[in-house]
Amino acid sequence: MNDGAGGAGGLAPLSAADADAAIALWHEAGLTRPWNDPARDFARALAGPASTILGLKHDGALIATVMVGDDGHRGWLYYLAVAADARGQGHGRTVLRAAESWLAARGCPKAMLMIRGDNPVGGFYAAAGYATEDVQVMARWLKS
């Protein structure tokens, strides 16, 4: 699990104490947008009984994350990010598989994710067995 003190580190659910490091990683990976508050997203994921954020640490530093949630019908993945200097070493696949395991343990039959048109990660997900589906995503902002 998370060793925090050095060594290889590990994969584990993050806590509120990890918020700043996770959000910095999401910014570095280009996953944030002005209309989404990543701090609010982080807090909501940790507060919900059907969601979490998994993190991979190495030598005490957060190097990869994935937010995962079960909406009662399907599982959803968000904020899968790997630190720039840790990419290409299998860390993305590690957190992806951990998120899938988290969902499978809750009985989710399927993991879903959305990729913005300007995010070039489609090949990563295709290599991990994900396929594009014939769906239309629609949205409406709710007042909060």
N, C-alpha and C. Protein backbone atom coordinates (compact mmCIF):
# COMPACT_ATOMS: atom_id res chain seq x y z
N MET A 1 0.84 -1.18 0.00
CA MET A 1 0.00 0.00 0.00
C MET A 1 0.89 1.24 0.00
N ASN A 2 0.29 2.40 0.22
CA ASN A 2 1.09 3.62 0.21
C ASN A 2 2.13 3.57 1.30
N ASP A 3 3.37 3.75 0.93
CA ASP A 3 4.42 3.71 1.95
C ASP A 3 4.80 5.10 2.43
N GLY A 4 4.57 6.12 1.63
CA GLY A 4 4.82 7.49 2.04
C GLY A 4 6.24 7.82 2.42
N ALA A 5 7.01 6.83 2.82
CA ALA A 5 8.35 7.11 3.33
C ALA A 5 9.46 6.76 2.35
N GLY A 6 9.11 6.16 1.25
CA GLY A 6 10.13 5.77 0.29
C GLY A 6 9.85 4.39 -0.22
N GLY A 7 10.76 3.83 -0.99
CA GLY A 7 10.54 2.51 -1.56
C GLY A 7 9.66 2.57 -2.77
N ALA A 8 9.16 1.42 -3.16
CA ALA A 8 8.38 1.32 -4.38
C ALA A 8 7.04 2.02 -4.27
N GLY A 9 6.47 2.12 -3.08
CA GLY A 9 5.17 2.74 -2.93
C GLY A 9 4.10 1.73 -3.21
N GLY A 10 2.91 2.20 -3.52
CA GLY A 10 1.84 1.27 -3.78
C GLY A 10 0.59 1.95 -4.25
N LEU A 11 -0.38 1.12 -4.54
CA LEU A 11 -1.67 1.56 -5.04
C LEU A 11 -2.68 1.46 -3.91
N ALA A 12 -3.42 2.54 -3.66
CA ALA A 12 -4.41 2.55 -2.59
C ALA A 12 -5.38 3.70 -2.81
N PRO A 13 -6.54 3.63 -2.15
CA PRO A 13 -7.46 4.77 -2.19
C PRO A 13 -6.78 6.01 -1.61
N LEU A 14 -7.03 7.15 -2.21
CA LEU A 14 -6.46 8.40 -1.70
C LEU A 14 -7.36 8.95 -0.60
N SER A 15 -6.81 9.90 0.14
CA SER A 15 -7.55 10.57 1.21
C SER A 15 -7.53 12.07 0.93
N ALA A 16 -8.25 12.80 1.75
CA ALA A 16 -8.28 14.26 1.60
C ALA A 16 -6.88 14.86 1.64
N ALA A 17 -5.96 14.23 2.36
CA ALA A 17 -4.59 14.73 2.45
C ALA A 17 -3.86 14.67 1.10
N ASP A 18 -4.37 13.87 0.17
CA ASP A 18 -3.75 13.72 -1.14
C ASP A 18 -4.33 14.66 -2.20
N ALA A 19 -5.32 15.45 -1.83
CA ALA A 19 -6.03 16.28 -2.80
C ALA A 19 -5.10 17.19 -3.60
N ASP A 20 -4.24 17.94 -2.94
CA ASP A 20 -3.38 18.88 -3.67
C ASP A 20 -2.49 18.17 -4.68
N ALA A 21 -1.91 17.04 -4.28
CA ALA A 21 -1.03 16.30 -5.20
C ALA A 21 -1.81 15.74 -6.37
N ALA A 22 -3.01 15.23 -6.12
CA ALA A 22 -3.82 14.67 -7.19
C ALA A 22 -4.24 15.77 -8.17
N ILE A 23 -4.69 16.87 -7.65
CA ILE A 23 -5.13 17.97 -8.50
C ILE A 23 -3.97 18.53 -9.32
N ALA A 24 -2.80 18.63 -8.73
CA ALA A 24 -1.62 19.07 -9.48
C ALA A 24 -1.32 18.09 -10.62
N LEU A 25 -1.45 16.81 -10.35
CA LEU A 25 -1.24 15.80 -11.39
C LEU A 25 -2.27 15.93 -12.50
N TRP A 26 -3.52 16.17 -12.14
CA TRP A 26 -4.57 16.33 -13.15
C TRP A 26 -4.32 17.56 -14.01
N HIS A 27 -3.83 18.64 -13.39
CA HIS A 27 -3.48 19.84 -14.17
C HIS A 27 -2.33 19.52 -15.12
N GLU A 28 -1.30 18.85 -14.61
CA GLU A 28 -0.13 18.51 -15.43
C GLU A 28 -0.52 17.65 -16.62
N ALA A 29 -1.48 16.75 -16.41
CA ALA A 29 -1.91 15.84 -17.47
C ALA A 29 -2.92 16.48 -18.43
N GLY A 30 -3.31 17.72 -18.16
CA GLY A 30 -4.25 18.42 -19.05
C GLY A 30 -5.68 17.95 -18.92
N LEU A 31 -6.05 17.41 -17.77
CA LEU A 31 -7.40 16.87 -17.59
C LEU A 31 -8.39 17.85 -17.00
N THR A 32 -7.94 18.98 -16.54
CA THR A 32 -8.85 19.93 -15.92
C THR A 32 -9.37 20.92 -16.96
N ARG A 33 -10.54 21.45 -16.66
CA ARG A 33 -11.17 22.46 -17.49
C ARG A 33 -11.73 23.54 -16.59
N PRO A 34 -11.80 24.78 -17.07
CA PRO A 34 -12.27 25.88 -16.21
C PRO A 34 -13.67 25.66 -15.64
N TRP A 35 -14.52 24.94 -16.34
CA TRP A 35 -15.89 24.75 -15.88
C TRP A 35 -16.05 23.59 -14.89
N ASN A 36 -15.00 22.82 -14.65
CA ASN A 36 -15.02 21.75 -13.66
C ASN A 36 -14.03 22.10 -12.55
N ASP A 37 -14.49 22.08 -11.34
CA ASP A 37 -13.64 22.37 -10.19
C ASP A 37 -13.04 21.05 -9.70
N PRO A 38 -11.75 20.81 -9.96
CA PRO A 38 -11.17 19.52 -9.57
C PRO A 38 -11.17 19.28 -8.07
N ALA A 39 -11.07 20.34 -7.27
CA ALA A 39 -11.12 20.15 -5.82
C ALA A 39 -12.50 19.66 -5.40
N ARG A 40 -13.50 20.22 -6.01
CA ARG A 40 -14.87 19.77 -5.71
C ARG A 40 -15.08 18.34 -6.20
N ASP A 41 -14.57 18.02 -7.38
CA ASP A 41 -14.67 16.65 -7.90
C ASP A 41 -14.00 15.67 -6.94
N PHE A 42 -12.81 16.02 -6.47
CA PHE A 42 -12.06 15.17 -5.55
C PHE A 42 -12.87 14.93 -4.28
N ALA A 43 -13.36 16.01 -3.69
CA ALA A 43 -14.12 15.91 -2.44
C ALA A 43 -15.39 15.09 -2.62
N ARG A 44 -16.10 15.30 -3.70
CA ARG A 44 -17.34 14.55 -3.95
C ARG A 44 -17.06 13.07 -4.12
N ALA A 45 -15.98 12.74 -4.82
CA ALA A 45 -15.65 11.32 -5.02
C ALA A 45 -15.34 10.64 -3.70
N LEU A 46 -14.62 11.33 -2.81
CA LEU A 46 -14.28 10.73 -1.52
C LEU A 46 -15.49 10.66 -0.59
N ALA A 47 -16.41 11.59 -0.73
CA ALA A 47 -17.57 11.63 0.16
C ALA A 47 -18.63 10.61 -0.22
N GLY A 48 -18.66 10.19 -1.47
CA GLY A 48 -19.70 9.28 -1.91
C GLY A 48 -19.43 7.83 -1.54
N PRO A 49 -20.47 7.10 -1.21
CA PRO A 49 -20.29 5.69 -0.86
C PRO A 49 -20.00 4.79 -2.06
N ALA A 50 -20.21 5.31 -3.26
CA ALA A 50 -20.04 4.50 -4.47
C ALA A 50 -18.94 5.04 -5.38
N SER A 51 -17.97 5.74 -4.79
CA SER A 51 -16.88 6.30 -5.58
C SER A 51 -15.63 6.42 -4.73
N THR A 52 -14.50 6.49 -5.41
CA THR A 52 -13.22 6.70 -4.74
C THR A 52 -12.22 7.22 -5.75
N ILE A 53 -11.06 7.55 -5.28
CA ILE A 53 -9.93 7.91 -6.14
C ILE A 53 -8.78 7.02 -5.73
N LEU A 54 -8.28 6.26 -6.67
CA LEU A 54 -7.14 5.38 -6.42
C LEU A 54 -5.88 6.10 -6.85
N GLY A 55 -4.83 5.92 -6.09
CA GLY A 55 -3.57 6.57 -6.41
C GLY A 55 -2.41 5.60 -6.31
N LEU A 56 -1.42 5.83 -7.14
CA LEU A 56 -0.19 5.05 -7.12
C LEU A 56 0.93 5.98 -6.70
N LYS A 57 1.64 5.59 -5.65
CA LYS A 57 2.75 6.40 -5.15
C LYS A 57 4.06 5.67 -5.33
N HIS A 58 5.11 6.45 -5.57
CA HIS A 58 6.47 5.94 -5.66
C HIS A 58 7.37 6.89 -4.88
N ASP A 59 8.12 6.35 -3.96
CA ASP A 59 8.99 7.16 -3.10
C ASP A 59 8.22 8.31 -2.46
N GLY A 60 6.98 8.03 -2.07
CA GLY A 60 6.16 9.02 -1.39
C GLY A 60 5.46 10.02 -2.28
N ALA A 61 5.77 10.01 -3.58
CA ALA A 61 5.16 10.96 -4.51
C ALA A 61 4.03 10.29 -5.28
N LEU A 62 2.95 11.00 -5.47
CA LEU A 62 1.83 10.51 -6.25
C LEU A 62 2.20 10.55 -7.72
N ILE A 63 2.15 9.39 -8.39
CA ILE A 63 2.55 9.34 -9.80
C ILE A 63 1.41 8.96 -10.73
N ALA A 64 0.29 8.47 -10.19
CA ALA A 64 -0.84 8.10 -11.05
C ALA A 64 -2.13 8.10 -10.24
N THR A 65 -3.23 8.45 -10.89
CA THR A 65 -4.54 8.45 -10.24
C THR A 65 -5.60 7.94 -11.21
N VAL A 66 -6.71 7.53 -10.64
CA VAL A 66 -7.94 7.30 -11.39
C VAL A 66 -9.10 7.48 -10.42
N MET A 67 -10.09 8.24 -10.84
CA MET A 67 -11.33 8.38 -10.09
C MET A 67 -12.28 7.33 -10.64
N VAL A 68 -12.95 6.62 -9.75
CA VAL A 68 -13.83 5.53 -10.17
C VAL A 68 -15.13 5.61 -9.39
N GLY A 69 -16.23 5.35 -10.08
CA GLY A 69 -17.52 5.38 -9.42
C GLY A 69 -18.50 4.41 -10.03
N ASP A 70 -19.44 3.98 -9.22
CA ASP A 70 -20.49 3.06 -9.61
C ASP A 70 -21.80 3.84 -9.57
N ASP A 71 -22.44 4.05 -10.72
CA ASP A 71 -23.68 4.83 -10.73
C ASP A 71 -24.92 3.98 -10.51
N GLY A 72 -24.73 2.71 -10.19
CA GLY A 72 -25.85 1.81 -9.97
C GLY A 72 -26.21 1.01 -11.21
N HIS A 73 -25.66 1.40 -12.34
CA HIS A 73 -25.91 0.71 -13.60
C HIS A 73 -24.60 0.30 -14.26
N ARG A 74 -23.67 1.22 -14.31
CA ARG A 74 -22.36 1.00 -14.90
C ARG A 74 -21.31 1.67 -14.03
N GLY A 75 -20.07 1.30 -14.28
CA GLY A 75 -18.96 1.97 -13.62
C GLY A 75 -18.39 3.04 -14.53
N TRP A 76 -17.89 4.10 -13.94
CA TRP A 76 -17.32 5.21 -14.71
C TRP A 76 -15.92 5.53 -14.22
N LEU A 77 -15.04 5.88 -15.15
CA LEU A 77 -13.66 6.24 -14.86
C LEU A 77 -13.42 7.69 -15.27
N TYR A 78 -12.71 8.40 -14.42
CA TYR A 78 -12.36 9.80 -14.68
C TYR A 78 -10.95 10.06 -14.16
N TYR A 79 -10.37 11.12 -14.62
CA TYR A 79 -9.08 11.62 -14.11
C TYR A 79 -8.00 10.53 -14.04
N LEU A 80 -7.93 9.68 -15.04
CA LEU A 80 -6.80 8.75 -15.09
C LEU A 80 -5.61 9.56 -15.58
N ALA A 81 -4.63 9.72 -14.72
CA ALA A 81 -3.47 10.56 -15.03
C ALA A 81 -2.20 9.88 -14.54
N VAL A 82 -1.14 10.08 -15.28
CA VAL A 82 0.19 9.60 -14.89
C VAL A 82 1.15 10.76 -15.02
N ALA A 83 2.00 10.93 -14.02
CA ALA A 83 2.99 12.00 -14.04
C ALA A 83 3.84 11.90 -15.31
N ALA A 84 4.19 13.03 -15.88
CA ALA A 84 4.92 13.07 -17.14
C ALA A 84 6.20 12.23 -17.10
N ASP A 85 6.93 12.30 -15.99
CA ASP A 85 8.19 11.57 -15.91
C ASP A 85 8.02 10.10 -15.56
N ALA A 86 6.77 9.65 -15.39
CA ALA A 86 6.51 8.25 -15.06
C ALA A 86 5.72 7.54 -16.15
N ARG A 87 5.49 8.22 -17.26
CA ARG A 87 4.70 7.62 -18.34
C ARG A 87 5.52 6.58 -19.10
N GLY A 88 4.81 5.67 -19.73
CA GLY A 88 5.45 4.63 -20.53
C GLY A 88 6.02 3.49 -19.71
N GLN A 89 5.66 3.42 -18.43
CA GLN A 89 6.20 2.38 -17.53
C GLN A 89 5.12 1.45 -17.02
N GLY A 90 3.90 1.55 -17.56
CA GLY A 90 2.82 0.66 -17.16
C GLY A 90 1.96 1.16 -16.01
N HIS A 91 2.23 2.36 -15.51
CA HIS A 91 1.47 2.87 -14.37
C HIS A 91 0.02 3.17 -14.73
N GLY A 92 -0.21 3.66 -15.93
CA GLY A 92 -1.58 3.91 -16.37
C GLY A 92 -2.38 2.62 -16.41
N ARG A 93 -1.78 1.58 -16.95
CA ARG A 93 -2.44 0.28 -17.01
C ARG A 93 -2.69 -0.25 -15.59
N THR A 94 -1.76 -0.01 -14.68
CA THR A 94 -1.92 -0.47 -13.29
C THR A 94 -3.13 0.17 -12.64
N VAL A 95 -3.27 1.48 -12.74
CA VAL A 95 -4.41 2.14 -12.09
C VAL A 95 -5.71 1.82 -12.83
N LEU A 96 -5.64 1.65 -14.15
CA LEU A 96 -6.83 1.27 -14.91
C LEU A 96 -7.35 -0.08 -14.45
N ARG A 97 -6.48 -1.06 -14.34
CA ARG A 97 -6.89 -2.40 -13.90
C ARG A 97 -7.38 -2.39 -12.46
N ALA A 98 -6.78 -1.56 -11.62
CA ALA A 98 -7.24 -1.44 -10.23
C ALA A 98 -8.66 -0.87 -10.18
N ALA A 99 -8.93 0.12 -11.01
CA ALA A 99 -10.28 0.70 -11.07
C ALA A 99 -11.28 -0.34 -11.56
N GLU A 100 -10.90 -1.12 -12.56
CA GLU A 100 -11.79 -2.17 -13.06
C GLU A 100 -12.06 -3.20 -11.97
N SER A 101 -11.05 -3.56 -11.21
CA SER A 101 -11.22 -4.51 -10.10
C SER A 101 -12.13 -3.94 -9.03
N TRP A 102 -11.98 -2.66 -8.73
CA TRP A 102 -12.83 -1.98 -7.76
C TRP A 102 -14.28 -2.07 -8.19
N LEU A 103 -14.54 -1.82 -9.48
CA LEU A 103 -15.91 -1.90 -10.01
C LEU A 103 -16.42 -3.34 -10.01
N ALA A 104 -15.60 -4.27 -10.46
CA ALA A 104 -16.02 -5.67 -10.53
C ALA A 104 -16.39 -6.19 -9.14
N ALA A 105 -15.67 -5.77 -8.12
CA ALA A 105 -15.95 -6.21 -6.75
C ALA A 105 -17.32 -5.72 -6.28
N ARG A 106 -17.85 -4.68 -6.93
CA ARG A 106 -19.15 -4.13 -6.59
C ARG A 106 -20.24 -4.64 -7.52
N GLY A 107 -19.89 -5.54 -8.43
CA GLY A 107 -20.87 -6.13 -9.33
C GLY A 107 -21.14 -5.34 -10.59
N CYS A 108 -20.34 -4.33 -10.88
CA CYS A 108 -20.54 -3.57 -12.12
C CYS A 108 -20.21 -4.44 -13.32
N PRO A 109 -21.10 -4.49 -14.30
CA PRO A 109 -20.85 -5.33 -15.46
C PRO A 109 -19.97 -4.66 -16.53
N LYS A 110 -19.76 -3.35 -16.40
CA LYS A 110 -19.09 -2.64 -17.49
C LYS A 110 -18.43 -1.37 -16.96
N ALA A 111 -17.25 -1.07 -17.47
CA ALA A 111 -16.57 0.19 -17.15
C ALA A 111 -16.71 1.12 -18.35
N MET A 112 -17.06 2.34 -18.07
CA MET A 112 -17.27 3.35 -19.11
C MET A 112 -16.35 4.54 -18.86
N LEU A 113 -16.03 5.26 -19.92
CA LEU A 113 -15.28 6.50 -19.79
C LEU A 113 -15.56 7.36 -21.00
N MET A 114 -15.32 8.63 -20.84
CA MET A 114 -15.46 9.58 -21.94
C MET A 114 -14.10 10.21 -22.17
N ILE A 115 -13.77 10.42 -23.44
CA ILE A 115 -12.50 11.06 -23.81
C ILE A 115 -12.82 12.31 -24.60
N ARG A 116 -12.31 13.43 -24.15
CA ARG A 116 -12.51 14.67 -24.90
C ARG A 116 -11.82 14.57 -26.26
N GLY A 117 -12.36 15.25 -27.23
CA GLY A 117 -11.83 15.21 -28.59
C GLY A 117 -10.38 15.65 -28.70
N ASP A 118 -9.92 16.51 -27.78
CA ASP A 118 -8.54 17.01 -27.84
C ASP A 118 -7.57 16.18 -27.01
N ASN A 119 -8.03 15.06 -26.46
CA ASN A 119 -7.17 14.21 -25.63
C ASN A 119 -6.73 13.00 -26.46
N PRO A 120 -5.43 12.84 -26.70
CA PRO A 120 -4.94 11.80 -27.61
C PRO A 120 -4.73 10.42 -26.97
N VAL A 121 -5.54 10.05 -25.98
CA VAL A 121 -5.32 8.80 -25.25
C VAL A 121 -6.12 7.61 -25.78
N GLY A 122 -6.80 7.78 -26.88
CA GLY A 122 -7.60 6.68 -27.41
C GLY A 122 -6.82 5.40 -27.63
N GLY A 123 -5.60 5.51 -28.09
CA GLY A 123 -4.77 4.34 -28.33
C GLY A 123 -4.45 3.58 -27.05
N PHE A 124 -4.23 4.31 -25.96
CA PHE A 124 -3.98 3.68 -24.67
C PHE A 124 -5.17 2.82 -24.27
N TYR A 125 -6.37 3.39 -24.36
CA TYR A 125 -7.55 2.65 -23.95
C TYR A 125 -7.86 1.50 -24.92
N ALA A 126 -7.65 1.71 -26.20
CA ALA A 126 -7.86 0.63 -27.18
C ALA A 126 -6.94 -0.54 -26.88
N ALA A 127 -5.69 -0.25 -26.56
CA ALA A 127 -4.73 -1.31 -26.23
C ALA A 127 -5.11 -2.05 -24.96
N ALA A 128 -5.88 -1.38 -24.08
CA ALA A 128 -6.33 -1.99 -22.83
C ALA A 128 -7.66 -2.73 -23.00
N GLY A 129 -8.17 -2.79 -24.24
CA GLY A 129 -9.38 -3.54 -24.52
C GLY A 129 -10.66 -2.73 -24.59
N TYR A 130 -10.56 -1.40 -24.53
CA TYR A 130 -11.74 -0.55 -24.62
C TYR A 130 -12.07 -0.29 -26.09
N ALA A 131 -13.36 -0.14 -26.38
CA ALA A 131 -13.80 0.11 -27.75
C ALA A 131 -14.76 1.29 -27.77
N THR A 132 -14.77 2.01 -28.87
CA THR A 132 -15.71 3.10 -29.06
C THR A 132 -17.10 2.51 -29.26
N GLU A 133 -18.09 3.09 -28.60
CA GLU A 133 -19.47 2.62 -28.73
C GLU A 133 -20.29 3.66 -29.45
N ASP A 134 -21.37 3.22 -30.04
CA ASP A 134 -22.26 4.09 -30.78
C ASP A 134 -23.26 4.73 -29.82
N VAL A 135 -22.79 5.76 -29.12
CA VAL A 135 -23.63 6.49 -28.19
C VAL A 135 -23.47 7.98 -28.42
N GLN A 136 -24.46 8.72 -28.03
CA GLN A 136 -24.39 10.17 -28.09
C GLN A 136 -24.42 10.67 -26.66
N VAL A 137 -23.45 11.47 -26.29
CA VAL A 137 -23.41 12.04 -24.95
C VAL A 137 -24.07 13.42 -25.00
N MET A 138 -25.01 13.60 -24.12
CA MET A 138 -25.69 14.89 -24.01
C MET A 138 -25.54 15.36 -22.57
N ALA A 139 -25.59 16.66 -22.37
CA ALA A 139 -25.40 17.19 -21.02
C ALA A 139 -26.23 18.44 -20.81
N ARG A 140 -26.50 18.71 -19.58
CA ARG A 140 -27.17 19.94 -19.18
C ARG A 140 -26.58 20.32 -17.83
N TRP A 141 -26.10 21.53 -17.69
CA TRP A 141 -25.56 22.00 -16.42
C TRP A 141 -26.69 22.23 -15.45
N LEU A 142 -26.52 21.73 -14.23
CA LEU A 142 -27.49 21.92 -13.17
C LEU A 142 -26.99 22.99 -12.22
N LYS A 143 -27.88 23.77 -11.69
CA LYS A 143 -27.49 24.78 -10.71
C LYS A 143 -27.12 24.09 -9.43
N SER A 144 -26.01 24.52 -8.84
CA SER A 144 -25.62 23.92 -7.57
C SER A 144 -25.17 24.96 -6.58
